[in-house]
Amino acid sequence: MDEKMKKFIPLFVLLGLALVAVAIYIIVYHVGMPTRDLSGPQANFWLGLWQGLIVFLSFIASWFDNNIVLYQVHNNGFWYNLGYIIGLIIIGAGSGASRRGSKTKEKAKKQKQGQKSPIDDEAKNQGQEGAAEDSS
């Protein structure tokens, strides 16, 4: 590991612990989580965005509290739904983009070293199988 990266390890550990602490706080105190309660003001765009972002935490909290749900039923319709979907996209897009980026970096690194990547081998094998099927 590079010496520069070793300096950042304590920072990453502290950042991870802080994120875990915030997640536990949100789960324990049900901060902005959707409930079955139909009284009070309707959920709006901003609450939908927040609830989309914390959907996994709401899922965990729903194991321990039957009043917690994944989607706020008492909402104002389109704007809540839009915020909720944007929150889900933000959560989902972050994980997919990082995975795709790491594969691209790995493939470029192997090409620099003159090696073929497993992705290239799979594509080549699939092309040969398709050609064999066409000839028969």
C-alpha atoms as a PDB file:
ATOM      1  CA  MET A   1       0.000   0.000   0.000  1.00  0.00           C
ATOM      2  CA  ASP A   2       1.222   3.462  -0.797  1.00  0.00           C
ATOM      3  CA  GLU A   3       2.553   5.559   2.105  1.00  0.00           C
ATOM      4  CA  LYS A   4       0.176   8.401   1.257  1.00  0.00           C
ATOM      5  CA  MET A   5      -2.813   6.097   1.543  1.00  0.00           C
ATOM      6  CA  LYS A   6      -1.681   4.768   4.940  1.00  0.00           C
ATOM      7  CA  LYS A   7      -2.004   8.289   6.334  1.00  0.00           C
ATOM      8  CA  PHE A   8      -5.696   8.348   5.428  1.00  0.00           C
ATOM      9  CA  ILE A   9      -6.663   5.024   7.045  1.00  0.00           C
ATOM     10  CA  PRO A  10      -7.473   6.573  10.469  1.00  0.00           C
ATOM     11  CA  LEU A  11      -9.577   9.213   8.720  1.00  0.00           C
ATOM     12  CA  PHE A  12     -11.542   6.547   6.821  1.00  0.00           C
ATOM     13  CA  VAL A  13     -12.074   4.571  10.025  1.00  0.00           C
ATOM     14  CA  LEU A  14     -13.384   7.656  11.834  1.00  0.00           C
ATOM     15  CA  LEU A  15     -15.630   8.534   8.898  1.00  0.00           C
ATOM     16  CA  GLY A  16     -17.018   4.985   8.862  1.00  0.00           C
ATOM     17  CA  LEU A  17     -17.670   5.054  12.597  1.00  0.00           C
ATOM     18  CA  ALA A  18     -19.406   8.419  12.275  1.00  0.00           C
ATOM     19  CA  LEU A  19     -21.674   7.060   9.520  1.00  0.00           C
ATOM     20  CA  VAL A  20     -22.536   4.018  11.620  1.00  0.00           C
ATOM     21  CA  ALA A  21     -23.310   6.272  14.610  1.00  0.00           C
ATOM     22  CA  VAL A  22     -25.625   8.457  12.484  1.00  0.00           C
ATOM     23  CA  ALA A  23     -27.370   5.364  11.088  1.00  0.00           C
ATOM     24  CA  ILE A  24     -27.925   3.983  14.588  1.00  0.00           C
ATOM     25  CA  TYR A  25     -29.288   7.350  15.760  1.00  0.00           C
ATOM     26  CA  ILE A  26     -31.729   7.472  12.821  1.00  0.00           C
ATOM     27  CA  ILE A  27     -32.895   3.918  13.503  1.00  0.00           C
ATOM     28  CA  VAL A  28     -33.306   4.380  17.262  1.00  0.00           C
ATOM     29  CA  TYR A  29     -35.115   7.738  17.163  1.00  0.00           C
ATOM     30  CA  HIS A  30     -37.000   7.112  13.889  1.00  0.00           C
ATOM     31  CA  VAL A  31     -35.834  10.429  12.406  1.00  0.00           C
ATOM     32  CA  GLY A  32     -38.216  11.223   9.546  1.00  0.00           C
ATOM     33  CA  MET A  33     -39.190   7.598   8.975  1.00  0.00           C
ATOM     34  CA  PRO A  34     -42.491   6.810   7.287  1.00  0.00           C
ATOM     35  CA  THR A  35     -45.189   5.595   9.669  1.00  0.00           C
ATOM     36  CA  ARG A  36     -48.707   4.218   9.508  1.00  0.00           C
ATOM     37  CA  ASP A  37     -50.001   7.377  11.214  1.00  0.00           C
ATOM     38  CA  LEU A  38     -52.597   9.180   9.051  1.00  0.00           C
ATOM     39  CA  SER A  39     -52.902  12.283  11.257  1.00  0.00           C
ATOM     40  CA  GLY A  40     -50.889  15.443  10.826  1.00  0.00           C
ATOM     41  CA  PRO A  41     -49.661  17.145   7.679  1.00  0.00           C
ATOM     42  CA  GLN A  42     -49.182  15.175   4.483  1.00  0.00           C
ATOM     43  CA  ALA A  43     -45.651  14.151   3.520  1.00  0.00           C
ATOM     44  CA  ASN A  44     -44.207  16.431   0.826  1.00  0.00           C
ATOM     45  CA  PHE A  45     -41.288  16.372  -1.658  1.00  0.00           C
ATOM     46  CA  TRP A  46     -38.542  16.943   0.921  1.00  0.00           C
ATOM     47  CA  LEU A  47     -39.826  14.265   3.265  1.00  0.00           C
ATOM     48  CA  GLY A  48     -40.154  11.913   0.286  1.00  0.00           C
ATOM     49  CA  LEU A  49     -36.537  12.620  -0.668  1.00  0.00           C
ATOM     50  CA  TRP A  50     -35.361  11.968   2.900  1.00  0.00           C
ATOM     51  CA  GLN A  51     -37.421   8.788   3.197  1.00  0.00           C
ATOM     52  CA  GLY A  52     -36.045   7.552  -0.135  1.00  0.00           C
ATOM     53  CA  LEU A  53     -32.510   8.111   1.131  1.00  0.00           C
ATOM     54  CA  ILE A  54     -33.092   6.238   4.412  1.00  0.00           C
ATOM     55  CA  VAL A  55     -35.201   3.400   2.997  1.00  0.00           C
ATOM     56  CA  PHE A  56     -32.683   0.755   4.123  1.00  0.00           C
ATOM     57  CA  LEU A  57     -32.612   2.174   7.644  1.00  0.00           C
ATOM     58  CA  SER A  58     -36.421   2.229   7.674  1.00  0.00           C
ATOM     59  CA  PHE A  59     -36.391  -1.412   6.625  1.00  0.00           C
ATOM     60  CA  ILE A  60     -34.156  -2.329   9.563  1.00  0.00           C
ATOM     61  CA  ALA A  61     -36.247  -0.247  12.001  1.00  0.00           C
ATOM     62  CA  SER A  62     -39.459  -1.911  10.741  1.00  0.00           C
ATOM     63  CA  TRP A  63     -38.172  -5.229  12.147  1.00  0.00           C
ATOM     64  CA  PHE A  64     -38.424  -3.786  15.652  1.00  0.00           C
ATOM     65  CA  ASP A  65     -41.368  -1.377  15.348  1.00  0.00           C
ATOM     66  CA  ASN A  66     -44.570  -2.345  13.530  1.00  0.00           C
ATOM     67  CA  ASN A  67     -45.513   1.331  13.101  1.00  0.00           C
ATOM     68  CA  ILE A  68     -42.555   1.948  10.727  1.00  0.00           C
ATOM     69  CA  VAL A  69     -43.188   1.288   7.032  1.00  0.00           C
ATOM     70  CA  LEU A  70     -41.095   1.756   3.893  1.00  0.00           C
ATOM     71  CA  TYR A  71     -43.451   4.194   2.149  1.00  0.00           C
ATOM     72  CA  GLN A  72     -45.473   7.025   3.735  1.00  0.00           C
ATOM     73  CA  VAL A  73     -49.096   6.447   2.758  1.00  0.00           C
ATOM     74  CA  HIS A  74     -50.250   9.855   4.049  1.00  0.00           C
ATOM     75  CA  ASN A  75     -48.544  11.972   1.367  1.00  0.00           C
ATOM     76  CA  ASN A  76     -49.395  14.724  -1.118  1.00  0.00           C
ATOM     77  CA  GLY A  77     -49.106  12.504  -4.212  1.00  0.00           C
ATOM     78  CA  PHE A  78     -46.857  13.393  -7.132  1.00  0.00           C
ATOM     79  CA  TRP A  79     -44.347  15.554  -5.268  1.00  0.00           C
ATOM     80  CA  TYR A  80     -43.799  13.024  -2.491  1.00  0.00           C
ATOM     81  CA  ASN A  81     -43.447  10.227  -5.035  1.00  0.00           C
ATOM     82  CA  LEU A  82     -40.950  12.276  -7.061  1.00  0.00           C
ATOM     83  CA  GLY A  83     -38.810  12.985  -3.997  1.00  0.00           C
ATOM     84  CA  TYR A  84     -38.973   9.336  -2.927  1.00  0.00           C
ATOM     85  CA  ILE A  85     -37.880   8.100  -6.364  1.00  0.00           C
ATOM     86  CA  ILE A  86     -35.023  10.635  -6.510  1.00  0.00           C
ATOM     87  CA  GLY A  87     -33.856   9.460  -3.074  1.00  0.00           C
ATOM     88  CA  LEU A  88     -33.918   5.843  -4.217  1.00  0.00           C
ATOM     89  CA  ILE A  89     -31.995   6.747  -7.383  1.00  0.00           C
ATOM     90  CA  ILE A  90     -29.334   8.586  -5.386  1.00  0.00           C
ATOM     91  CA  ILE A  91     -28.852   5.547  -3.137  1.00  0.00           C
ATOM     92  CA  GLY A  92     -28.889   3.050  -6.019  1.00  0.00           C
ATOM     93  CA  ALA A  93     -26.832   5.047  -8.503  1.00  0.00           C
ATOM     94  CA  GLY A  94     -23.929   5.477  -6.105  1.00  0.00           C
ATOM     95  CA  SER A  95     -23.386   1.749  -5.673  1.00  0.00           C
ATOM     96  CA  GLY A  96     -23.670   0.883  -9.367  1.00  0.00           C
ATOM     97  CA  ALA A  97     -21.381   3.637 -10.571  1.00  0.00           C
ATOM     98  CA  SER A  98     -18.573   2.659  -8.219  1.00  0.00           C
ATOM     99  CA  ARG A  99     -18.750  -0.982  -9.272  1.00  0.00           C
ATOM    100  CA  ARG A 100     -18.670  -0.126 -12.960  1.00  0.00           C
ATOM    101  CA  GLY A 101     -15.770   2.275 -12.446  1.00  0.00           C
ATOM    102  CA  SER A 102     -13.668  -0.337 -10.667  1.00  0.00           C
ATOM    103  CA  LYS A 103     -14.157  -2.848 -13.495  1.00  0.00           C
ATOM    104  CA  THR A 104     -13.117  -0.261 -16.060  1.00  0.00           C
ATOM    105  CA  LYS A 105      -9.999   0.636 -14.067  1.00  0.00           C
ATOM    106  CA  GLU A 106      -9.112  -3.046 -13.645  1.00  0.00           C
ATOM    107  CA  LYS A 107      -9.478  -3.690 -17.369  1.00  0.00           C
ATOM    108  CA  ALA A 108      -7.327  -0.662 -18.281  1.00  0.00           C
ATOM    109  CA  LYS A 109      -4.641  -1.717 -15.793  1.00  0.00           C
ATOM    110  CA  LYS A 110      -4.458  -5.228 -17.248  1.00  0.00           C
ATOM    111  CA  GLN A 111      -4.288  -3.874 -20.790  1.00  0.00           C
ATOM    112  CA  LYS A 112      -1.319  -1.716 -19.792  1.00  0.00           C
ATOM    113  CA  GLN A 113       0.414  -4.804 -18.471  1.00  0.00           C
ATOM    114  CA  GLY A 114      -0.300  -6.652 -21.716  1.00  0.00           C
ATOM    115  CA  GLN A 115      -2.698  -9.132 -20.128  1.00  0.00           C
ATOM    116  CA  LYS A 116      -6.180  -9.993 -21.268  1.00  0.00           C
ATOM    117  CA  SER A 117      -8.960  -9.370 -18.790  1.00  0.00           C
ATOM    118  CA  PRO A 118     -11.527 -12.079 -17.941  1.00  0.00           C
ATOM    119  CA  ILE A 119     -14.185  -9.817 -19.455  1.00  0.00           C
ATOM    120  CA  ASP A 120     -12.420  -9.943 -22.834  1.00  0.00           C
ATOM    121  CA  ASP A 121     -12.093 -13.733 -22.624  1.00  0.00           C
ATOM    122  CA  GLU A 122     -15.818 -14.137 -21.890  1.00  0.00           C
ATOM    123  CA  ALA A 123     -16.786 -11.938 -24.835  1.00  0.00           C
ATOM    124  CA  LYS A 124     -14.431 -13.874 -27.131  1.00  0.00           C
ATOM    125  CA  ASN A 125     -15.811 -17.247 -25.950  1.00  0.00           C
ATOM    126  CA  GLN A 126     -19.395 -16.092 -26.457  1.00  0.00           C
ATOM    127  CA  GLY A 127     -18.531 -14.926 -29.967  1.00  0.00           C
ATOM    128  CA  GLN A 128     -17.011 -18.321 -30.815  1.00  0.00           C
ATOM    129  CA  GLU A 129     -20.026 -20.181 -29.420  1.00  0.00           C
ATOM    130  CA  GLY A 130     -22.373 -18.048 -31.502  1.00  0.00           C
ATOM    131  CA  ALA A 131     -20.326 -18.685 -34.645  1.00  0.00           C
ATOM    132  CA  ALA A 132     -20.321 -22.443 -33.971  1.00  0.00           C
ATOM    133  CA  GLU A 133     -24.107 -22.455 -33.615  1.00  0.00           C
ATOM    134  CA  ASP A 134     -24.552 -20.495 -36.846  1.00  0.00           C
ATOM    135  CA  SER A 135     -22.406 -22.922 -38.859  1.00  0.00           C
ATOM    136  CA  SER A 136     -24.384 -25.996 -37.766  1.00  0.00           C
END
